N, C-alpha and C. Protein backbone atom coordinates (compact mmCIF):
# COMPACT_ATOMS: atom_id res chain seq x y z
N MET A 1 -16.99 -43.94 14.45
CA MET A 1 -17.95 -42.88 14.63
C MET A 1 -17.57 -41.70 13.74
N SER A 2 -18.51 -41.23 12.95
CA SER A 2 -18.22 -40.11 12.06
C SER A 2 -18.56 -38.79 12.73
N ARG A 3 -17.82 -37.79 12.35
CA ARG A 3 -18.03 -36.46 12.90
C ARG A 3 -19.10 -35.75 12.08
N PRO A 4 -19.89 -34.92 12.72
CA PRO A 4 -20.90 -34.17 11.97
C PRO A 4 -20.21 -33.18 11.02
N ALA A 5 -20.87 -32.88 9.93
CA ALA A 5 -20.33 -31.95 8.95
C ALA A 5 -20.19 -30.56 9.57
N THR A 6 -19.11 -29.91 9.24
CA THR A 6 -18.88 -28.55 9.72
C THR A 6 -19.77 -27.60 8.93
N PRO A 7 -20.47 -26.72 9.60
CA PRO A 7 -21.31 -25.78 8.86
C PRO A 7 -20.44 -24.79 8.09
N PRO A 8 -20.98 -24.19 7.06
CA PRO A 8 -20.19 -23.20 6.31
C PRO A 8 -19.91 -21.98 7.19
N PRO A 9 -18.86 -21.24 6.87
CA PRO A 9 -18.56 -20.05 7.68
C PRO A 9 -19.69 -19.03 7.57
N LEU A 10 -19.87 -18.28 8.62
CA LEU A 10 -20.87 -17.21 8.65
C LEU A 10 -20.49 -16.16 7.60
N SER A 11 -21.46 -15.77 6.81
CA SER A 11 -21.21 -14.72 5.81
C SER A 11 -22.36 -13.71 5.83
N ALA A 12 -22.15 -12.61 5.16
CA ALA A 12 -23.17 -11.56 5.11
C ALA A 12 -24.15 -11.77 3.97
N LYS A 13 -24.14 -12.93 3.34
CA LYS A 13 -25.11 -13.22 2.27
C LYS A 13 -26.52 -13.30 2.82
N ASP A 14 -26.64 -13.79 4.04
CA ASP A 14 -27.95 -14.01 4.66
C ASP A 14 -28.35 -12.77 5.46
N PRO A 15 -29.39 -12.03 5.03
CA PRO A 15 -29.80 -10.83 5.75
C PRO A 15 -30.24 -11.07 7.20
N SER A 16 -30.56 -12.31 7.56
CA SER A 16 -30.96 -12.58 8.94
C SER A 16 -29.77 -12.92 9.84
N SER A 17 -28.57 -12.95 9.28
CA SER A 17 -27.39 -13.29 10.08
C SER A 17 -26.82 -12.05 10.77
N PHE A 18 -26.00 -12.29 11.79
CA PHE A 18 -25.28 -11.20 12.45
C PHE A 18 -24.35 -10.50 11.48
N ALA A 19 -23.77 -11.24 10.57
CA ALA A 19 -22.77 -10.70 9.65
C ALA A 19 -23.35 -9.66 8.69
N TYR A 20 -24.60 -9.83 8.30
CA TYR A 20 -25.19 -8.93 7.31
C TYR A 20 -25.23 -7.47 7.79
N PRO A 21 -25.85 -7.17 8.95
CA PRO A 21 -25.84 -5.76 9.37
C PRO A 21 -24.43 -5.26 9.70
N THR A 22 -23.54 -6.18 10.05
CA THR A 22 -22.16 -5.76 10.31
C THR A 22 -21.54 -5.21 9.04
N MET A 23 -21.66 -5.94 7.94
CA MET A 23 -21.08 -5.49 6.68
C MET A 23 -21.89 -4.35 6.04
N LYS A 24 -23.20 -4.43 6.17
CA LYS A 24 -24.06 -3.45 5.52
C LYS A 24 -24.05 -2.10 6.25
N ASP A 25 -24.04 -2.13 7.58
CA ASP A 25 -24.20 -0.91 8.34
C ASP A 25 -22.97 -0.53 9.17
N ARG A 26 -22.51 -1.45 10.01
CA ARG A 26 -21.45 -1.11 10.97
C ARG A 26 -20.13 -0.77 10.30
N ILE A 27 -19.68 -1.59 9.36
CA ILE A 27 -18.39 -1.35 8.71
C ILE A 27 -18.39 -0.03 7.93
N PRO A 28 -19.39 0.25 7.10
CA PRO A 28 -19.39 1.56 6.42
C PRO A 28 -19.39 2.75 7.39
N VAL A 29 -20.07 2.62 8.53
CA VAL A 29 -20.08 3.70 9.52
C VAL A 29 -18.68 3.88 10.10
N ILE A 30 -18.01 2.78 10.42
CA ILE A 30 -16.64 2.87 10.95
C ILE A 30 -15.73 3.58 9.95
N LEU A 31 -15.81 3.18 8.70
CA LEU A 31 -14.96 3.79 7.68
C LEU A 31 -15.31 5.26 7.47
N SER A 32 -16.60 5.59 7.53
CA SER A 32 -17.02 7.00 7.42
C SER A 32 -16.48 7.82 8.58
N LYS A 33 -16.47 7.23 9.78
CA LYS A 33 -15.94 7.94 10.95
C LYS A 33 -14.44 8.18 10.82
N VAL A 34 -13.72 7.24 10.23
CA VAL A 34 -12.28 7.45 10.01
C VAL A 34 -12.08 8.63 9.06
N VAL A 35 -12.81 8.63 7.95
CA VAL A 35 -12.70 9.73 6.98
C VAL A 35 -13.10 11.04 7.63
N ASP A 36 -14.19 11.04 8.40
CA ASP A 36 -14.66 12.25 9.06
C ASP A 36 -13.62 12.77 10.04
N HIS A 37 -13.02 11.87 10.82
CA HIS A 37 -11.99 12.26 11.78
C HIS A 37 -10.79 12.92 11.07
N LEU A 38 -10.34 12.29 10.00
CA LEU A 38 -9.20 12.84 9.25
C LEU A 38 -9.55 14.19 8.65
N THR A 39 -10.76 14.32 8.15
CA THR A 39 -11.19 15.57 7.52
C THR A 39 -11.33 16.68 8.56
N ARG A 40 -11.98 16.37 9.68
CA ARG A 40 -12.18 17.38 10.73
C ARG A 40 -10.86 17.82 11.37
N ASN A 41 -9.91 16.92 11.43
CA ASN A 41 -8.63 17.22 12.08
C ASN A 41 -7.53 17.55 11.08
N LYS A 42 -7.92 17.84 9.86
CA LYS A 42 -6.96 18.12 8.79
C LYS A 42 -5.98 19.23 9.20
N GLY A 43 -6.50 20.33 9.74
CA GLY A 43 -5.64 21.45 10.13
C GLY A 43 -4.61 21.04 11.16
N HIS A 44 -5.05 20.32 12.18
CA HIS A 44 -4.13 19.86 13.23
C HIS A 44 -3.10 18.89 12.67
N ILE A 45 -3.54 17.98 11.81
CA ILE A 45 -2.62 16.99 11.22
C ILE A 45 -1.58 17.70 10.37
N LEU A 46 -2.01 18.65 9.56
CA LEU A 46 -1.07 19.37 8.69
C LEU A 46 -0.14 20.25 9.51
N GLN A 47 -0.64 20.82 10.60
CA GLN A 47 0.21 21.64 11.47
C GLN A 47 1.30 20.77 12.11
N GLU A 48 0.91 19.58 12.53
CA GLU A 48 1.87 18.70 13.20
C GLU A 48 2.89 18.10 12.23
N TYR A 49 2.43 17.71 11.03
CA TYR A 49 3.32 17.02 10.09
C TYR A 49 3.78 17.93 8.96
N GLY A 50 3.07 19.03 8.75
CA GLY A 50 3.45 20.10 7.86
C GLY A 50 3.75 19.76 6.41
N GLY A 51 3.75 20.82 5.64
CA GLY A 51 4.17 20.73 4.26
C GLY A 51 3.12 20.25 3.28
N GLU A 52 3.42 20.54 2.01
CA GLU A 52 2.53 20.16 0.93
C GLU A 52 2.48 18.64 0.77
N ALA A 53 3.59 17.97 1.05
CA ALA A 53 3.61 16.50 0.94
C ALA A 53 2.61 15.88 1.91
N ALA A 54 2.53 16.42 3.13
CA ALA A 54 1.57 15.89 4.11
C ALA A 54 0.14 16.13 3.64
N ARG A 55 -0.11 17.27 3.02
CA ARG A 55 -1.45 17.57 2.50
C ARG A 55 -1.85 16.54 1.44
N GLU A 56 -0.93 16.24 0.53
CA GLU A 56 -1.21 15.26 -0.53
C GLU A 56 -1.38 13.86 0.04
N GLU A 57 -0.57 13.51 1.03
CA GLU A 57 -0.70 12.19 1.64
C GLU A 57 -2.01 12.05 2.38
N LEU A 58 -2.41 13.09 3.09
CA LEU A 58 -3.69 13.05 3.81
C LEU A 58 -4.84 12.89 2.82
N LYS A 59 -4.76 13.60 1.71
CA LYS A 59 -5.80 13.47 0.68
C LYS A 59 -5.82 12.04 0.14
N ALA A 60 -4.66 11.46 -0.09
CA ALA A 60 -4.59 10.08 -0.60
C ALA A 60 -5.10 9.08 0.44
N LEU A 61 -4.79 9.31 1.72
CA LEU A 61 -5.28 8.42 2.78
C LEU A 61 -6.80 8.46 2.86
N ILE A 62 -7.36 9.65 2.83
CA ILE A 62 -8.82 9.79 2.86
C ILE A 62 -9.42 9.11 1.64
N GLY A 63 -8.79 9.26 0.49
CA GLY A 63 -9.26 8.60 -0.73
C GLY A 63 -9.21 7.09 -0.62
N ALA A 64 -8.15 6.55 -0.03
CA ALA A 64 -8.01 5.10 0.11
C ALA A 64 -9.09 4.52 1.04
N ILE A 65 -9.37 5.21 2.14
CA ILE A 65 -10.40 4.75 3.07
C ILE A 65 -11.78 4.87 2.42
N SER A 66 -12.01 5.92 1.68
CA SER A 66 -13.29 6.09 0.98
C SER A 66 -13.47 5.00 -0.08
N GLU A 67 -12.40 4.69 -0.79
CA GLU A 67 -12.46 3.62 -1.80
C GLU A 67 -12.74 2.26 -1.14
N LEU A 68 -12.14 2.03 0.02
CA LEU A 68 -12.39 0.78 0.75
C LEU A 68 -13.86 0.70 1.16
N ARG A 69 -14.41 1.80 1.63
CA ARG A 69 -15.84 1.84 2.01
C ARG A 69 -16.71 1.51 0.81
N HIS A 70 -16.43 2.11 -0.32
CA HIS A 70 -17.20 1.84 -1.53
C HIS A 70 -17.07 0.36 -1.93
N SER A 71 -15.89 -0.18 -1.81
CA SER A 71 -15.65 -1.58 -2.14
C SER A 71 -16.51 -2.51 -1.28
N VAL A 72 -16.58 -2.21 0.01
CA VAL A 72 -17.40 -3.02 0.92
C VAL A 72 -18.87 -2.88 0.55
N MET A 73 -19.32 -1.66 0.40
CA MET A 73 -20.75 -1.41 0.17
C MET A 73 -21.25 -1.97 -1.16
N THR A 74 -20.36 -2.11 -2.13
CA THR A 74 -20.76 -2.64 -3.44
C THR A 74 -20.30 -4.09 -3.63
N ASN A 75 -19.82 -4.71 -2.56
CA ASN A 75 -19.46 -6.13 -2.56
C ASN A 75 -18.42 -6.48 -3.63
N LYS A 76 -17.41 -5.66 -3.73
CA LYS A 76 -16.33 -5.92 -4.69
C LYS A 76 -15.39 -7.01 -4.16
N PRO A 77 -14.66 -7.66 -5.05
CA PRO A 77 -13.68 -8.66 -4.59
C PRO A 77 -12.54 -7.99 -3.81
N ALA A 78 -12.03 -8.72 -2.84
CA ALA A 78 -10.88 -8.24 -2.07
C ALA A 78 -9.66 -8.18 -2.97
N LYS A 79 -8.85 -7.14 -2.79
CA LYS A 79 -7.64 -6.96 -3.58
C LYS A 79 -6.43 -7.36 -2.74
N PRO A 80 -5.39 -7.85 -3.39
CA PRO A 80 -4.16 -8.16 -2.64
C PRO A 80 -3.59 -6.91 -1.98
N LEU A 81 -2.94 -7.12 -0.86
CA LEU A 81 -2.25 -6.02 -0.18
C LEU A 81 -1.03 -5.63 -1.00
N ARG A 82 -0.63 -4.35 -0.91
CA ARG A 82 0.50 -3.86 -1.69
C ARG A 82 1.66 -3.38 -0.84
N ASP A 83 1.52 -3.38 0.47
CA ASP A 83 2.60 -2.84 1.30
C ASP A 83 3.69 -3.89 1.52
N SER A 84 4.71 -3.53 2.27
CA SER A 84 5.85 -4.44 2.45
C SER A 84 5.98 -4.94 3.89
N ARG A 85 4.88 -4.95 4.63
CA ARG A 85 4.92 -5.47 6.00
C ARG A 85 5.16 -6.97 5.97
N CYS A 86 5.64 -7.50 7.06
CA CYS A 86 6.04 -8.92 7.10
C CYS A 86 4.86 -9.87 6.91
N ASP A 87 3.64 -9.44 7.21
CA ASP A 87 2.50 -10.35 7.07
C ASP A 87 1.80 -10.25 5.71
N THR A 88 2.24 -9.35 4.86
CA THR A 88 1.60 -9.16 3.55
C THR A 88 1.58 -10.45 2.73
N PRO A 89 2.69 -11.20 2.64
CA PRO A 89 2.64 -12.45 1.86
C PRO A 89 1.63 -13.46 2.42
N LEU A 90 1.44 -13.47 3.73
CA LEU A 90 0.47 -14.40 4.33
C LEU A 90 -0.97 -14.04 3.93
N TRP A 91 -1.30 -12.75 4.01
CA TRP A 91 -2.63 -12.31 3.61
C TRP A 91 -2.87 -12.58 2.13
N ASN A 92 -1.88 -12.25 1.31
CA ASN A 92 -2.04 -12.45 -0.14
C ASN A 92 -2.10 -13.92 -0.51
N ALA A 93 -1.37 -14.78 0.22
CA ALA A 93 -1.44 -16.22 -0.03
C ALA A 93 -2.84 -16.74 0.31
N GLN A 94 -3.42 -16.23 1.40
CA GLN A 94 -4.77 -16.66 1.77
C GLN A 94 -5.78 -16.20 0.71
N LEU A 95 -5.60 -15.00 0.19
CA LEU A 95 -6.48 -14.53 -0.90
C LEU A 95 -6.36 -15.47 -2.10
N ALA A 96 -5.14 -15.85 -2.45
CA ALA A 96 -4.92 -16.75 -3.59
C ALA A 96 -5.58 -18.11 -3.33
N ARG A 97 -5.47 -18.62 -2.10
CA ARG A 97 -6.13 -19.89 -1.76
C ARG A 97 -7.63 -19.78 -1.92
N GLN A 98 -8.19 -18.68 -1.48
CA GLN A 98 -9.64 -18.50 -1.59
C GLN A 98 -10.08 -18.39 -3.04
N ILE A 99 -9.28 -17.75 -3.87
CA ILE A 99 -9.58 -17.67 -5.31
C ILE A 99 -9.59 -19.07 -5.90
N ASN A 100 -8.59 -19.88 -5.54
CA ASN A 100 -8.51 -21.26 -6.06
C ASN A 100 -9.69 -22.10 -5.59
N LEU A 101 -10.07 -21.97 -4.31
CA LEU A 101 -11.23 -22.71 -3.79
C LEU A 101 -12.50 -22.30 -4.53
N LYS A 102 -12.64 -21.00 -4.75
CA LYS A 102 -13.82 -20.50 -5.45
C LYS A 102 -13.86 -21.05 -6.88
N ARG A 103 -12.69 -21.08 -7.52
CA ARG A 103 -12.60 -21.60 -8.89
C ARG A 103 -13.00 -23.08 -8.92
N GLU A 104 -12.52 -23.86 -7.96
CA GLU A 104 -12.87 -25.29 -7.90
C GLU A 104 -14.37 -25.48 -7.70
N GLU A 105 -14.97 -24.66 -6.83
CA GLU A 105 -16.42 -24.75 -6.60
C GLU A 105 -17.19 -24.43 -7.88
N GLU A 106 -16.78 -23.37 -8.55
CA GLU A 106 -17.47 -22.96 -9.77
C GLU A 106 -17.33 -24.04 -10.86
N GLU A 107 -16.13 -24.60 -10.99
CA GLU A 107 -15.92 -25.65 -11.99
C GLU A 107 -16.76 -26.88 -11.67
N ALA A 108 -16.93 -27.19 -10.39
CA ALA A 108 -17.74 -28.34 -9.98
C ALA A 108 -19.20 -28.15 -10.41
N PHE A 109 -19.64 -26.91 -10.49
CA PHE A 109 -21.01 -26.61 -10.91
C PHE A 109 -21.09 -26.23 -12.38
N GLY A 110 -19.97 -26.36 -13.10
CA GLY A 110 -19.95 -26.08 -14.53
C GLY A 110 -19.98 -24.61 -14.89
N ARG A 111 -19.57 -23.76 -13.95
CA ARG A 111 -19.54 -22.32 -14.21
C ARG A 111 -18.10 -21.84 -14.22
N ALA A 112 -17.84 -20.79 -14.99
CA ALA A 112 -16.50 -20.22 -15.04
C ALA A 112 -16.42 -19.05 -14.07
N LEU A 113 -15.30 -18.96 -13.39
CA LEU A 113 -15.06 -17.85 -12.47
C LEU A 113 -14.56 -16.66 -13.28
N SER A 114 -15.15 -15.49 -13.05
CA SER A 114 -14.74 -14.31 -13.82
C SER A 114 -13.36 -13.85 -13.36
N SER A 115 -12.42 -13.91 -14.26
CA SER A 115 -11.01 -13.53 -14.08
C SER A 115 -10.43 -14.10 -12.78
N GLU A 116 -9.75 -13.29 -12.01
CA GLU A 116 -9.13 -13.71 -10.75
C GLU A 116 -9.95 -13.18 -9.58
N GLU A 117 -11.24 -13.39 -9.63
CA GLU A 117 -12.13 -12.82 -8.63
C GLU A 117 -11.88 -13.44 -7.26
N GLY A 118 -11.57 -12.59 -6.31
CA GLY A 118 -11.29 -13.03 -4.96
C GLY A 118 -12.53 -13.01 -4.09
N PRO A 119 -12.32 -13.21 -2.80
CA PRO A 119 -13.44 -13.18 -1.86
C PRO A 119 -14.14 -11.83 -1.89
N LYS A 120 -15.44 -11.87 -1.72
CA LYS A 120 -16.23 -10.62 -1.71
C LYS A 120 -16.73 -10.36 -0.30
N TRP A 121 -16.94 -9.10 -0.01
CA TRP A 121 -17.27 -8.64 1.34
C TRP A 121 -18.52 -9.29 1.92
N PHE A 122 -19.56 -9.46 1.12
CA PHE A 122 -20.79 -10.04 1.63
C PHE A 122 -20.87 -11.55 1.40
N ASP A 123 -20.14 -12.05 0.42
CA ASP A 123 -20.31 -13.43 -0.01
C ASP A 123 -19.43 -14.44 0.71
N ASP A 124 -18.33 -13.98 1.27
CA ASP A 124 -17.37 -14.92 1.84
C ASP A 124 -17.33 -14.82 3.35
N ALA A 125 -16.47 -15.61 3.96
CA ALA A 125 -16.41 -15.74 5.43
C ALA A 125 -16.30 -14.36 6.09
N TRP A 126 -17.33 -14.02 6.84
CA TRP A 126 -17.44 -12.70 7.45
C TRP A 126 -16.26 -12.38 8.36
N LEU A 127 -15.86 -13.28 9.24
CA LEU A 127 -14.81 -12.97 10.20
C LEU A 127 -13.49 -12.68 9.47
N TRP A 128 -13.17 -13.49 8.47
CA TRP A 128 -11.94 -13.25 7.72
C TRP A 128 -12.01 -11.91 6.99
N MET A 129 -13.15 -11.64 6.38
CA MET A 129 -13.29 -10.39 5.63
C MET A 129 -13.18 -9.17 6.56
N GLU A 130 -13.74 -9.27 7.75
CA GLU A 130 -13.64 -8.13 8.67
C GLU A 130 -12.20 -7.93 9.14
N CYS A 131 -11.50 -9.01 9.45
CA CYS A 131 -10.09 -8.89 9.83
C CYS A 131 -9.28 -8.29 8.68
N TYR A 132 -9.56 -8.75 7.47
CA TYR A 132 -8.88 -8.24 6.29
C TYR A 132 -9.16 -6.74 6.11
N LEU A 133 -10.38 -6.31 6.41
CA LEU A 133 -10.73 -4.90 6.32
C LEU A 133 -9.80 -4.06 7.21
N TYR A 134 -9.60 -4.50 8.46
CA TYR A 134 -8.75 -3.74 9.37
C TYR A 134 -7.29 -3.77 8.91
N ARG A 135 -6.89 -4.85 8.28
CA ARG A 135 -5.53 -4.91 7.73
C ARG A 135 -5.41 -3.93 6.56
N ARG A 136 -6.47 -3.78 5.77
CA ARG A 136 -6.46 -2.81 4.67
C ARG A 136 -6.40 -1.37 5.20
N ILE A 137 -7.07 -1.11 6.31
CA ILE A 137 -6.99 0.22 6.94
C ILE A 137 -5.55 0.48 7.37
N GLN A 138 -4.94 -0.53 7.98
CA GLN A 138 -3.55 -0.39 8.40
C GLN A 138 -2.64 -0.12 7.20
N GLU A 139 -2.87 -0.86 6.13
CA GLU A 139 -2.08 -0.64 4.92
C GLU A 139 -2.21 0.80 4.44
N ALA A 140 -3.44 1.30 4.38
CA ALA A 140 -3.66 2.67 3.91
C ALA A 140 -2.95 3.68 4.80
N ALA A 141 -2.99 3.46 6.10
CA ALA A 141 -2.39 4.42 7.03
C ALA A 141 -0.87 4.38 7.00
N LEU A 142 -0.29 3.24 6.68
CA LEU A 142 1.17 3.11 6.72
C LEU A 142 1.86 3.32 5.39
N MET A 143 1.10 3.66 4.35
CA MET A 143 1.69 3.84 3.03
C MET A 143 2.35 5.20 2.86
N TRP A 144 2.21 6.07 3.84
CA TRP A 144 2.66 7.44 3.68
C TRP A 144 3.88 7.71 4.54
N TYR A 145 4.64 8.72 4.17
CA TYR A 145 5.89 9.04 4.87
C TYR A 145 5.77 10.24 5.81
N CYS A 146 4.97 11.21 5.46
CA CYS A 146 4.90 12.45 6.26
C CYS A 146 3.92 12.36 7.41
N ILE A 147 2.78 11.71 7.16
CA ILE A 147 1.75 11.69 8.22
C ILE A 147 1.70 10.34 8.90
């Protein structure tokens, strides 16, 4: 007895799917709220952590979250993590696997994959991309020393 074919993972490519409004609307709102919270509480954060270094780190953190929002909204490829947490190699290995799978698919259709293009926010497995998004937020928040 053969097993039925597994359907492809849910992605935000299809506007009628649950994943589409999640990536198009919900995720950018969440990221905007993080930036808004950091901006509104800037005085309190700087008072608690103090110094010019904290001011620069807060600015960099807000910039990193804003850049992540732009990346999602414009469907850019996912970038490897850069921090030194114990799970970083696992996330980056999965990104590399997805790049290889994408390359194999493109070659099967006679198309070349542009450079080392990884999974994209709307085009690839929604659940993995959303989990990766939260890991990227964690990376941004933990890259600093003062705040």
